[in-house]
């Protein structure tokens, strides 16, 4: 493989870079190549290069709802957090893919726009929020996004409407077409600054009281099974505190797995499999992962 640092001298690229330095779990092996594009044109250059050279491409944002294997990731990985501009025009907030959801909600608040309060504490990026239709406290991304700009694997760019994004539970069409979210437009309603701030503060206080925010984690691990709550099933199965290696089912919130002592991705995966097996045996319910598990698992 060519030296990508020589191929793209204007883009910061690292070789064999440990991804544990970037993931919320503090786990993950090295990326063969890790690039930090700062413009859409740079993203397109990298995508075209990958396409032409038959390489694999992995795209990350804040890497918050993600487990990267201990063996790392093949070929090229892109982190989009330097594409982080957030603009407000009338009742629309336009945020690039690498912008944090939290900062985007603050921009809406500061411009007296309501509708994004539910996302005040979601740690992911805008790209990840579109990709996964992130939601919390009764709100979902699909309810406030009017369109998103997406780059397809061949480098072409499409502007997808809310309908074309085909949002579902932790799903969007971006997952199906292997696209890269470049930005998203949120169409909101005028509101009162104090009311918006009060709601955001309340949700953040509730999150801090219930979730293990003081420890590395990958966020909510499992999707909500129809008719159940994953956290309650795990709690009722007596699994809070279950530990494998350095990963543990949180004693504060059973829906979270936390890194308590230099845990590895393999530790996380082992805890996940044990939880799935136990809940299935006790309650007959299959827990599907919400967290994405990617990369080499050795």
C-alpha atoms as a PDB file:
ATOM      1  CA  UNK A   1       0.000   0.000   0.000  1.00  0.00           C
ATOM      2  CA  UNK A   2       1.297   3.446  -0.870  1.00  0.00           C
ATOM      3  CA  UNK A   3       2.276   5.794   1.930  1.00  0.00           C
ATOM      4  CA  UNK A   4      -0.883   7.844   2.305  1.00  0.00           C
ATOM      5  CA  UNK A   5       0.970  10.629   4.086  1.00  0.00           C
ATOM      6  CA  UNK A   6       2.873  11.223   0.855  1.00  0.00           C
ATOM      7  CA  UNK A   7      -0.266  10.857  -1.274  1.00  0.00           C
ATOM      8  CA  UNK A   8      -2.139  13.521   0.727  1.00  0.00           C
ATOM      9  CA  UNK A   9       0.392  15.998   2.161  1.00  0.00           C
ATOM     10  CA  UNK A  10      -2.346  18.527   3.002  1.00  0.00           C
ATOM     11  CA  UNK A  11      -4.334  16.109   5.186  1.00  0.00           C
ATOM     12  CA  UNK A  12      -3.167  14.980   8.603  1.00  0.00           C
ATOM     13  CA  UNK A  13      -2.756  11.216   8.387  1.00  0.00           C
ATOM     14  CA  UNK A  14      -1.340   8.838  10.984  1.00  0.00           C
ATOM     15  CA  UNK A  15      -0.119   5.295  10.437  1.00  0.00           C
ATOM     16  CA  UNK A  16      -0.866   2.427  12.855  1.00  0.00           C
ATOM     17  CA  UNK A  17      -2.650   4.843  15.168  1.00  0.00           C
ATOM     18  CA  UNK A  18      -4.336   3.248  18.246  1.00  0.00           C
ATOM     19  CA  UNK A  19      -8.058   3.935  18.033  1.00  0.00           C
ATOM     20  CA  UNK A  20      -8.379   3.593  21.795  1.00  0.00           C
ATOM     21  CA  UNK A  21      -7.185   7.212  21.828  1.00  0.00           C
ATOM     22  CA  UNK A  22     -10.447   8.267  20.158  1.00  0.00           C
ATOM     23  CA  UNK A  23     -13.219   5.890  21.284  1.00  0.00           C
ATOM     24  CA  UNK A  24     -15.482   6.552  24.261  1.00  0.00           C
ATOM     25  CA  UNK A  25     -14.764   3.043  25.558  1.00  0.00           C
ATOM     26  CA  UNK A  26     -10.999   3.707  25.518  1.00  0.00           C
ATOM     27  CA  UNK A  27     -10.597   0.455  23.580  1.00  0.00           C
ATOM     28  CA  UNK A  28      -9.626  -0.409  20.033  1.00  0.00           C
ATOM     29  CA  UNK A  29      -6.531  -1.495  18.156  1.00  0.00           C
ATOM     30  CA  UNK A  30      -4.631   0.489  15.506  1.00  0.00           C
ATOM     31  CA  UNK A  31      -6.000   1.881  12.268  1.00  0.00           C
ATOM     32  CA  UNK A  32      -3.702   1.055   9.382  1.00  0.00           C
ATOM     33  CA  UNK A  33      -4.146   4.668   8.300  1.00  0.00           C
ATOM     34  CA  UNK A  34      -6.124   7.338  10.147  1.00  0.00           C
ATOM     35  CA  UNK A  35      -7.038  10.554   8.323  1.00  0.00           C
ATOM     36  CA  UNK A  36      -8.478  13.828   9.635  1.00  0.00           C
ATOM     37  CA  UNK A  37      -9.989  15.688   6.663  1.00  0.00           C
ATOM     38  CA  UNK A  38     -11.003  19.287   7.253  1.00  0.00           C
ATOM     39  CA  UNK A  39     -13.061  19.961   4.124  1.00  0.00           C
ATOM     40  CA  UNK A  40     -15.602  18.158   1.970  1.00  0.00           C
ATOM     41  CA  UNK A  41     -13.119  18.228  -0.914  1.00  0.00           C
ATOM     42  CA  UNK A  42     -10.590  16.379   1.222  1.00  0.00           C
ATOM     43  CA  UNK A  43     -13.198  13.774   2.115  1.00  0.00           C
ATOM     44  CA  UNK A  44     -13.945  13.319  -1.578  1.00  0.00           C
ATOM     45  CA  UNK A  45     -10.227  12.948  -2.406  1.00  0.00           C
ATOM     46  CA  UNK A  46      -9.878  10.206   0.193  1.00  0.00           C
ATOM     47  CA  UNK A  47     -13.069   8.443  -0.915  1.00  0.00           C
ATOM     48  CA  UNK A  48     -11.984   8.516  -4.552  1.00  0.00           C
ATOM     49  CA  UNK A  49      -8.548   7.161  -3.662  1.00  0.00           C
ATOM     50  CA  UNK A  50     -10.075   4.302  -1.685  1.00  0.00           C
ATOM     51  CA  UNK A  51     -12.479   3.562  -4.538  1.00  0.00           C
ATOM     52  CA  UNK A  52      -9.708   3.550  -7.153  1.00  0.00           C
ATOM     53  CA  UNK A  53      -7.377   1.338  -5.105  1.00  0.00           C
ATOM     54  CA  UNK A  54     -10.007  -1.156  -3.923  1.00  0.00           C
ATOM     55  CA  UNK A  55      -9.361  -0.336  -0.281  1.00  0.00           C
ATOM     56  CA  UNK A  56     -11.801  -0.570   2.596  1.00  0.00           C
ATOM     57  CA  UNK A  57     -12.978   2.636   4.252  1.00  0.00           C
ATOM     58  CA  UNK A  58     -14.283   3.188   7.764  1.00  0.00           C
ATOM     59  CA  UNK A  59     -15.788   6.527   8.775  1.00  0.00           C
ATOM     60  CA  UNK A  60     -16.006   7.663  12.396  1.00  0.00           C
ATOM     61  CA  UNK A  61     -17.382  10.695  14.183  1.00  0.00           C
ATOM     62  CA  UNK A  62     -17.121  10.959  17.962  1.00  0.00           C
ATOM     63  CA  UNK A  63     -16.878   7.143  18.212  1.00  0.00           C
ATOM     64  CA  UNK A  64     -19.294   7.209  21.134  1.00  0.00           C
ATOM     65  CA  UNK A  65     -21.706   4.349  20.312  1.00  0.00           C
ATOM     66  CA  UNK A  66     -19.004   2.093  18.958  1.00  0.00           C
ATOM     67  CA  UNK A  67     -16.682  -0.767  19.881  1.00  0.00           C
ATOM     68  CA  UNK A  68     -13.545  -1.065  17.762  1.00  0.00           C
ATOM     69  CA  UNK A  69     -11.917  -4.499  17.794  1.00  0.00           C
ATOM     70  CA  UNK A  70      -8.583  -4.994  19.531  1.00  0.00           C
ATOM     71  CA  UNK A  71      -7.052  -5.923  16.178  1.00  0.00           C
ATOM     72  CA  UNK A  72      -7.785  -2.474  14.792  1.00  0.00           C
ATOM     73  CA  UNK A  73      -9.187  -1.529  11.381  1.00  0.00           C
ATOM     74  CA  UNK A  74      -7.900  -2.402   7.913  1.00  0.00           C
ATOM     75  CA  UNK A  75      -6.853   0.158   5.311  1.00  0.00           C
ATOM     76  CA  UNK A  76      -8.191   3.694   5.774  1.00  0.00           C
ATOM     77  CA  UNK A  77     -10.196   5.145   8.652  1.00  0.00           C
ATOM     78  CA  UNK A  78     -11.508   8.714   8.498  1.00  0.00           C
ATOM     79  CA  UNK A  79     -12.478  10.772  11.540  1.00  0.00           C
ATOM     80  CA  UNK A  80     -14.772  13.668  10.625  1.00  0.00           C
ATOM     81  CA  UNK A  81     -14.621  15.727  13.820  1.00  0.00           C
ATOM     82  CA  UNK A  82     -12.762  18.569  12.073  1.00  0.00           C
ATOM     83  CA  UNK A  83     -15.794  19.158   9.853  1.00  0.00           C
ATOM     84  CA  UNK A  84     -17.618  20.770  12.750  1.00  0.00           C
ATOM     85  CA  UNK A  85     -19.172  24.027  11.569  1.00  0.00           C
ATOM     86  CA  UNK A  86     -22.629  24.893  12.888  1.00  0.00           C
ATOM     87  CA  UNK A  87     -24.646  27.708  11.281  1.00  0.00           C
ATOM     88  CA  UNK A  88     -28.083  29.121  12.029  1.00  0.00           C
ATOM     89  CA  UNK A  89     -30.297  30.694   9.370  1.00  0.00           C
ATOM     90  CA  UNK A  90     -33.747  31.794  10.507  1.00  0.00           C
ATOM     91  CA  UNK A  91     -35.337  28.629  11.970  1.00  0.00           C
ATOM     92  CA  UNK A  92     -32.783  26.236  10.472  1.00  0.00           C
ATOM     93  CA  UNK A  93     -29.631  24.892  12.111  1.00  0.00           C
ATOM     94  CA  UNK A  94     -27.133  23.485   9.615  1.00  0.00           C
ATOM     95  CA  UNK A  95     -24.416  21.355  11.181  1.00  0.00           C
ATOM     96  CA  UNK A  96     -21.522  19.533   9.567  1.00  0.00           C
ATOM     97  CA  UNK A  97     -21.128  15.833  10.239  1.00  0.00           C
ATOM     98  CA  UNK A  98     -18.277  16.198  12.708  1.00  0.00           C
ATOM     99  CA  UNK A  99     -20.032  18.753  14.892  1.00  0.00           C
ATOM    100  CA  UNK A 100     -21.103  17.390  18.246  1.00  0.00           C
ATOM    101  CA  UNK A 101     -24.825  16.967  18.837  1.00  0.00           C
ATOM    102  CA  UNK A 102     -24.401  18.736  22.179  1.00  0.00           C
ATOM    103  CA  UNK A 103     -22.879  21.851  20.573  1.00  0.00           C
ATOM    104  CA  UNK A 104     -25.595  21.826  17.935  1.00  0.00           C
ATOM    105  CA  UNK A 105     -28.296  21.870  20.608  1.00  0.00           C
ATOM    106  CA  UNK A 106     -26.543  24.818  22.245  1.00  0.00           C
ATOM    107  CA  UNK A 107     -26.557  26.723  18.961  1.00  0.00           C
ATOM    108  CA  UNK A 108     -30.296  26.120  18.679  1.00  0.00           C
ATOM    109  CA  UNK A 109     -30.827  27.256  22.286  1.00  0.00           C
ATOM    110  CA  UNK A 110     -28.726  30.403  21.850  1.00  0.00           C
ATOM    111  CA  UNK A 111     -30.804  31.329  18.806  1.00  0.00           C
ATOM    112  CA  UNK A 112     -34.083  30.666  20.645  1.00  0.00           C
ATOM    113  CA  UNK A 113     -35.027  27.652  18.554  1.00  0.00           C
ATOM    114  CA  UNK A 114     -36.850  24.742  20.151  1.00  0.00           C
ATOM    115  CA  UNK A 115     -37.029  21.070  19.151  1.00  0.00           C
ATOM    116  CA  UNK A 116     -33.505  19.816  19.849  1.00  0.00           C
ATOM    117  CA  UNK A 117     -33.669  19.816  23.639  1.00  0.00           C
ATOM    118  CA  UNK A 118     -33.918  16.001  23.780  1.00  0.00           C
ATOM    119  CA  UNK A 119     -30.397  15.747  22.323  1.00  0.00           C
ATOM    120  CA  UNK A 120     -28.738  18.057  24.869  1.00  0.00           C
ATOM    121  CA  UNK A 121     -26.707  15.209  26.372  1.00  0.00           C
ATOM    122  CA  UNK A 122     -26.241  12.849  23.420  1.00  0.00           C
ATOM    123  CA  UNK A 123     -22.445  12.520  23.085  1.00  0.00           C
ATOM    124  CA  UNK A 124     -22.307  11.596  19.400  1.00  0.00           C
ATOM    125  CA  UNK A 125     -21.628  13.639  16.288  1.00  0.00           C
ATOM    126  CA  UNK A 126     -24.209  14.890  13.816  1.00  0.00           C
ATOM    127  CA  UNK A 127     -23.093  12.305  11.270  1.00  0.00           C
ATOM    128  CA  UNK A 128     -23.591   9.521  13.771  1.00  0.00           C
ATOM    129  CA  UNK A 129     -26.945  10.964  14.822  1.00  0.00           C
ATOM    130  CA  UNK A 130     -28.205  10.831  11.234  1.00  0.00           C
ATOM    131  CA  UNK A 131     -26.669   7.418  10.586  1.00  0.00           C
ATOM    132  CA  UNK A 132     -28.284   5.901  13.696  1.00  0.00           C
ATOM    133  CA  UNK A 133     -31.354   8.154  14.082  1.00  0.00           C
ATOM    134  CA  UNK A 134     -30.136   8.977  17.570  1.00  0.00           C
ATOM    135  CA  UNK A 135     -32.754   9.652  20.197  1.00  0.00           C
ATOM    136  CA  UNK A 136     -33.320  10.175  23.903  1.00  0.00           C
ATOM    137  CA  UNK A 137     -36.066  11.122  26.333  1.00  0.00           C
ATOM    138  CA  UNK A 138     -38.853  10.665  23.824  1.00  0.00           C
ATOM    139  CA  UNK A 139     -37.197  12.596  21.009  1.00  0.00           C
ATOM    140  CA  UNK A 140     -35.634  11.294  17.811  1.00  0.00           C
ATOM    141  CA  UNK A 141     -33.413  12.876  15.192  1.00  0.00           C
ATOM    142  CA  UNK A 142     -35.911  12.005  12.458  1.00  0.00           C
ATOM    143  CA  UNK A 143     -38.446  14.415  13.966  1.00  0.00           C
ATOM    144  CA  UNK A 144     -36.284  17.511  13.464  1.00  0.00           C
ATOM    145  CA  UNK A 145     -34.102  16.806  10.406  1.00  0.00           C
ATOM    146  CA  UNK A 146     -35.404  18.150   7.108  1.00  0.00           C
ATOM    147  CA  UNK A 147     -32.491  17.009   4.939  1.00  0.00           C
ATOM    148  CA  UNK A 148     -28.916  15.735   4.972  1.00  0.00           C
ATOM    149  CA  UNK A 149     -26.039  15.903   2.527  1.00  0.00           C
ATOM    150  CA  UNK A 150     -24.497  12.487   1.921  1.00  0.00           C
ATOM    151  CA  UNK A 151     -21.479  11.359  -0.084  1.00  0.00           C
ATOM    152  CA  UNK A 152     -21.871   7.973  -1.748  1.00  0.00           C
ATOM    153  CA  UNK A 153     -19.012   5.444  -2.089  1.00  0.00           C
ATOM    154  CA  UNK A 154     -18.223   6.647  -5.622  1.00  0.00           C
ATOM    155  CA  UNK A 155     -17.740  10.220  -4.411  1.00  0.00           C
ATOM    156  CA  UNK A 156     -21.025  11.639  -5.687  1.00  0.00           C
ATOM    157  CA  UNK A 157     -22.982  13.895  -3.348  1.00  0.00           C
ATOM    158  CA  UNK A 158     -26.720  13.704  -2.769  1.00  0.00           C
ATOM    159  CA  UNK A 159     -29.094  15.880  -0.790  1.00  0.00           C
ATOM    160  CA  UNK A 160     -31.539  13.512   0.877  1.00  0.00           C
ATOM    161  CA  UNK A 161     -34.892  14.630   2.244  1.00  0.00           C
ATOM    162  CA  UNK A 162     -36.271  13.357   5.517  1.00  0.00           C
ATOM    163  CA  UNK A 163     -38.326  10.829   3.570  1.00  0.00           C
ATOM    164  CA  UNK A 164     -35.317   9.647   1.567  1.00  0.00           C
ATOM    165  CA  UNK A 165     -33.344   9.156   4.767  1.00  0.00           C
ATOM    166  CA  UNK A 166     -35.951   6.491   5.609  1.00  0.00           C
ATOM    167  CA  UNK A 167     -35.482   6.802   9.351  1.00  0.00           C
ATOM    168  CA  UNK A 168     -36.393   3.912  11.626  1.00  0.00           C
ATOM    169  CA  UNK A 169     -35.434   2.807  15.095  1.00  0.00           C
ATOM    170  CA  UNK A 170     -31.646   3.394  15.207  1.00  0.00           C
ATOM    171  CA  UNK A 171     -31.640   3.210  11.420  1.00  0.00           C
ATOM    172  CA  UNK A 172     -31.406   5.413   8.346  1.00  0.00           C
ATOM    173  CA  UNK A 173     -30.900   4.795   4.633  1.00  0.00           C
ATOM    174  CA  UNK A 174     -27.285   5.946   5.049  1.00  0.00           C
ATOM    175  CA  UNK A 175     -26.601   2.550   6.597  1.00  0.00           C
ATOM    176  CA  UNK A 176     -27.980   0.851   3.486  1.00  0.00           C
ATOM    177  CA  UNK A 177     -26.117   2.849   0.844  1.00  0.00           C
ATOM    178  CA  UNK A 178     -22.769   3.026   2.703  1.00  0.00           C
ATOM    179  CA  UNK A 179     -22.910   6.795   2.486  1.00  0.00           C
ATOM    180  CA  UNK A 180     -20.984   9.379   4.462  1.00  0.00           C
ATOM    181  CA  UNK A 181     -23.034  12.104   6.095  1.00  0.00           C
ATOM    182  CA  UNK A 182     -21.512  15.524   5.370  1.00  0.00           C
ATOM    183  CA  UNK A 183     -24.055  17.792   7.030  1.00  0.00           C
ATOM    184  CA  UNK A 184     -27.642  17.951   8.231  1.00  0.00           C
ATOM    185  CA  UNK A 185     -30.309  20.631   8.334  1.00  0.00           C
ATOM    186  CA  UNK A 186     -32.580  20.821  11.372  1.00  0.00           C
ATOM    187  CA  UNK A 187     -35.827  22.741  10.933  1.00  0.00           C
ATOM    188  CA  UNK A 188     -36.974  24.017  14.317  1.00  0.00           C
ATOM    189  CA  UNK A 189     -39.580  26.288  15.888  1.00  0.00           C
ATOM    190  CA  UNK A 190     -39.101  29.682  17.589  1.00  0.00           C
ATOM    191  CA  UNK A 191     -39.036  29.361  21.351  1.00  0.00           C
ATOM    192  CA  UNK A 192     -38.157  31.048  24.611  1.00  0.00           C
ATOM    193  CA  UNK A 193     -34.490  30.892  25.619  1.00  0.00           C
ATOM    194  CA  UNK A 194     -35.181  30.360  29.323  1.00  0.00           C
ATOM    195  CA  UNK A 195     -37.681  27.566  28.649  1.00  0.00           C
ATOM    196  CA  UNK A 196     -35.322  25.821  26.232  1.00  0.00           C
ATOM    197  CA  UNK A 197     -32.398  26.101  28.653  1.00  0.00           C
ATOM    198  CA  UNK A 198     -34.486  24.846  31.559  1.00  0.00           C
ATOM    199  CA  UNK A 199     -35.541  21.741  29.624  1.00  0.00           C
ATOM    200  CA  UNK A 200     -31.966  21.024  28.503  1.00  0.00           C
ATOM    201  CA  UNK A 201     -30.666  21.460  32.050  1.00  0.00           C
ATOM    202  CA  UNK A 202     -33.369  19.161  33.399  1.00  0.00           C
ATOM    203  CA  UNK A 203     -32.576  16.398  30.902  1.00  0.00           C
ATOM    204  CA  UNK A 204     -28.856  16.687  31.579  1.00  0.00           C
ATOM    205  CA  UNK A 205     -29.459  16.446  35.323  1.00  0.00           C
ATOM    206  CA  UNK A 206     -31.618  13.361  34.812  1.00  0.00           C
ATOM    207  CA  UNK A 207     -28.958  11.819  32.584  1.00  0.00           C
ATOM    208  CA  UNK A 208     -26.204  12.492  35.125  1.00  0.00           C
ATOM    209  CA  UNK A 209     -28.306  11.010  37.928  1.00  0.00           C
ATOM    210  CA  UNK A 210     -29.088   7.781  36.080  1.00  0.00           C
ATOM    211  CA  UNK A 211     -26.146   7.097  33.771  1.00  0.00           C
ATOM    212  CA  UNK A 212     -22.492   6.244  34.538  1.00  0.00           C
ATOM    213  CA  UNK A 213     -21.037   9.332  32.891  1.00  0.00           C
ATOM    214  CA  UNK A 214     -17.908   9.179  35.062  1.00  0.00           C
ATOM    215  CA  UNK A 215     -16.627   5.999  33.383  1.00  0.00           C
ATOM    216  CA  UNK A 216     -15.730   5.153  29.768  1.00  0.00           C
ATOM    217  CA  UNK A 217     -18.611   3.442  27.998  1.00  0.00           C
ATOM    218  CA  UNK A 218     -20.152   2.983  24.557  1.00  0.00           C
ATOM    219  CA  UNK A 219     -23.470   4.472  25.622  1.00  0.00           C
ATOM    220  CA  UNK A 220     -26.652   2.448  25.387  1.00  0.00           C
ATOM    221  CA  UNK A 221     -25.551  -1.046  24.354  1.00  0.00           C
ATOM    222  CA  UNK A 222     -28.811  -2.731  23.359  1.00  0.00           C
ATOM    223  CA  UNK A 223     -31.824  -1.755  21.318  1.00  0.00           C
ATOM    224  CA  UNK A 224     -35.143  -1.597  23.123  1.00  0.00           C
ATOM    225  CA  UNK A 225     -36.956  -4.929  22.608  1.00  0.00           C
ATOM    226  CA  UNK A 226     -40.616  -4.621  21.676  1.00  0.00           C
ATOM    227  CA  UNK A 227     -42.641  -4.539  24.873  1.00  0.00           C
ATOM    228  CA  UNK A 228     -39.612  -4.401  27.167  1.00  0.00           C
ATOM    229  CA  UNK A 229     -36.757  -2.208  28.341  1.00  0.00           C
ATOM    230  CA  UNK A 230     -33.273  -3.650  27.904  1.00  0.00           C
ATOM    231  CA  UNK A 231     -31.972  -2.132  31.129  1.00  0.00           C
ATOM    232  CA  UNK A 232     -34.800  -3.588  33.218  1.00  0.00           C
ATOM    233  CA  UNK A 233     -34.330  -7.051  31.698  1.00  0.00           C
ATOM    234  CA  UNK A 234     -30.622  -6.941  32.476  1.00  0.00           C
ATOM    235  CA  UNK A 235     -31.307  -5.685  35.997  1.00  0.00           C
ATOM    236  CA  UNK A 236     -33.974  -8.341  36.621  1.00  0.00           C
ATOM    237  CA  UNK A 237     -31.553 -11.013  35.381  1.00  0.00           C
ATOM    238  CA  UNK A 238     -29.196 -10.035  38.210  1.00  0.00           C
ATOM    239  CA  UNK A 239     -26.464  -8.956  35.824  1.00  0.00           C
ATOM    240  CA  UNK A 240     -25.585  -5.530  37.207  1.00  0.00           C
ATOM    241  CA  UNK A 241     -21.973  -5.652  38.274  1.00  0.00           C
ATOM    242  CA  UNK A 242     -21.179  -8.661  36.046  1.00  0.00           C
ATOM    243  CA  UNK A 243     -17.552  -8.253  35.033  1.00  0.00           C
ATOM    244  CA  UNK A 244     -15.333  -9.819  32.414  1.00  0.00           C
ATOM    245  CA  UNK A 245     -11.767  -8.556  32.362  1.00  0.00           C
ATOM    246  CA  UNK A 246     -11.996  -4.795  32.655  1.00  0.00           C
ATOM    247  CA  UNK A 247     -15.557  -4.404  31.335  1.00  0.00           C
ATOM    248  CA  UNK A 248     -18.576  -4.378  33.626  1.00  0.00           C
ATOM    249  CA  UNK A 249     -22.351  -4.087  33.413  1.00  0.00           C
ATOM    250  CA  UNK A 250     -22.817  -0.734  35.107  1.00  0.00           C
ATOM    251  CA  UNK A 251     -24.058  -0.852  38.680  1.00  0.00           C
ATOM    252  CA  UNK A 252     -25.684   2.544  38.058  1.00  0.00           C
ATOM    253  CA  UNK A 253     -27.581   1.730  34.829  1.00  0.00           C
ATOM    254  CA  UNK A 254     -27.908  -1.836  33.602  1.00  0.00           C
ATOM    255  CA  UNK A 255     -28.136  -0.721  29.961  1.00  0.00           C
ATOM    256  CA  UNK A 256     -24.521   0.445  29.996  1.00  0.00           C
ATOM    257  CA  UNK A 257     -21.226  -1.453  29.963  1.00  0.00           C
ATOM    258  CA  UNK A 258     -18.351   0.509  31.474  1.00  0.00           C
ATOM    259  CA  UNK A 259     -14.592   0.214  31.337  1.00  0.00           C
ATOM    260  CA  UNK A 260     -13.501  -0.136  34.957  1.00  0.00           C
ATOM    261  CA  UNK A 261      -9.909  -1.372  34.581  1.00  0.00           C
ATOM    262  CA  UNK A 262      -8.141  -1.175  31.219  1.00  0.00           C
ATOM    263  CA  UNK A 263     -10.869  -3.204  29.545  1.00  0.00           C
ATOM    264  CA  UNK A 264     -10.441  -4.388  25.977  1.00  0.00           C
ATOM    265  CA  UNK A 265     -12.890  -4.666  23.115  1.00  0.00           C
ATOM    266  CA  UNK A 266     -12.857  -8.426  23.678  1.00  0.00           C
ATOM    267  CA  UNK A 267     -13.905  -7.823  27.286  1.00  0.00           C
ATOM    268  CA  UNK A 268     -16.831  -5.714  26.093  1.00  0.00           C
ATOM    269  CA  UNK A 269     -17.902  -8.311  23.541  1.00  0.00           C
ATOM    270  CA  UNK A 270     -17.720 -11.083  26.128  1.00  0.00           C
ATOM    271  CA  UNK A 271     -19.923  -9.105  28.508  1.00  0.00           C
ATOM    272  CA  UNK A 272     -22.399  -8.424  25.691  1.00  0.00           C
ATOM    273  CA  UNK A 273     -22.612 -12.087  24.753  1.00  0.00           C
ATOM    274  CA  UNK A 274     -23.074 -13.154  28.386  1.00  0.00           C
ATOM    275  CA  UNK A 275     -25.864 -10.612  28.871  1.00  0.00           C
ATOM    276  CA  UNK A 276     -27.607 -11.721  25.670  1.00  0.00           C
ATOM    277  CA  UNK A 277     -27.342 -15.398  26.628  1.00  0.00           C
ATOM    278  CA  UNK A 278     -28.587 -14.854  30.186  1.00  0.00           C
ATOM    279  CA  UNK A 279     -31.533 -12.631  29.226  1.00  0.00           C
ATOM    280  CA  UNK A 280     -32.544 -15.102  26.526  1.00  0.00           C
ATOM    281  CA  UNK A 281     -32.443 -18.011  28.978  1.00  0.00           C
ATOM    282  CA  UNK A 282     -34.329 -16.198  31.740  1.00  0.00           C
ATOM    283  CA  UNK A 283     -36.934 -14.254  29.777  1.00  0.00           C
ATOM    284  CA  UNK A 284     -36.884 -15.614  26.226  1.00  0.00           C
ATOM    285  CA  UNK A 285     -36.050 -12.151  24.882  1.00  0.00           C
ATOM    286  CA  UNK A 286     -33.353 -11.582  22.290  1.00  0.00           C
ATOM    287  CA  UNK A 287     -31.346  -8.441  22.926  1.00  0.00           C
ATOM    288  CA  UNK A 288     -29.975  -6.871  19.755  1.00  0.00           C
ATOM    289  CA  UNK A 289     -27.004  -4.559  19.975  1.00  0.00           C
ATOM    290  CA  UNK A 290     -27.470  -0.867  19.333  1.00  0.00           C
ATOM    291  CA  UNK A 291     -23.730  -0.267  19.624  1.00  0.00           C
ATOM    292  CA  UNK A 292     -21.772  -0.937  16.428  1.00  0.00           C
ATOM    293  CA  UNK A 293     -18.958  -3.485  16.736  1.00  0.00           C
ATOM    294  CA  UNK A 294     -16.405  -3.024  13.972  1.00  0.00           C
ATOM    295  CA  UNK A 295     -12.845  -3.872  13.024  1.00  0.00           C
ATOM    296  CA  UNK A 296     -10.611  -6.873  13.582  1.00  0.00           C
ATOM    297  CA  UNK A 297     -11.751  -8.733  16.679  1.00  0.00           C
ATOM    298  CA  UNK A 298      -8.476 -10.547  17.423  1.00  0.00           C
END
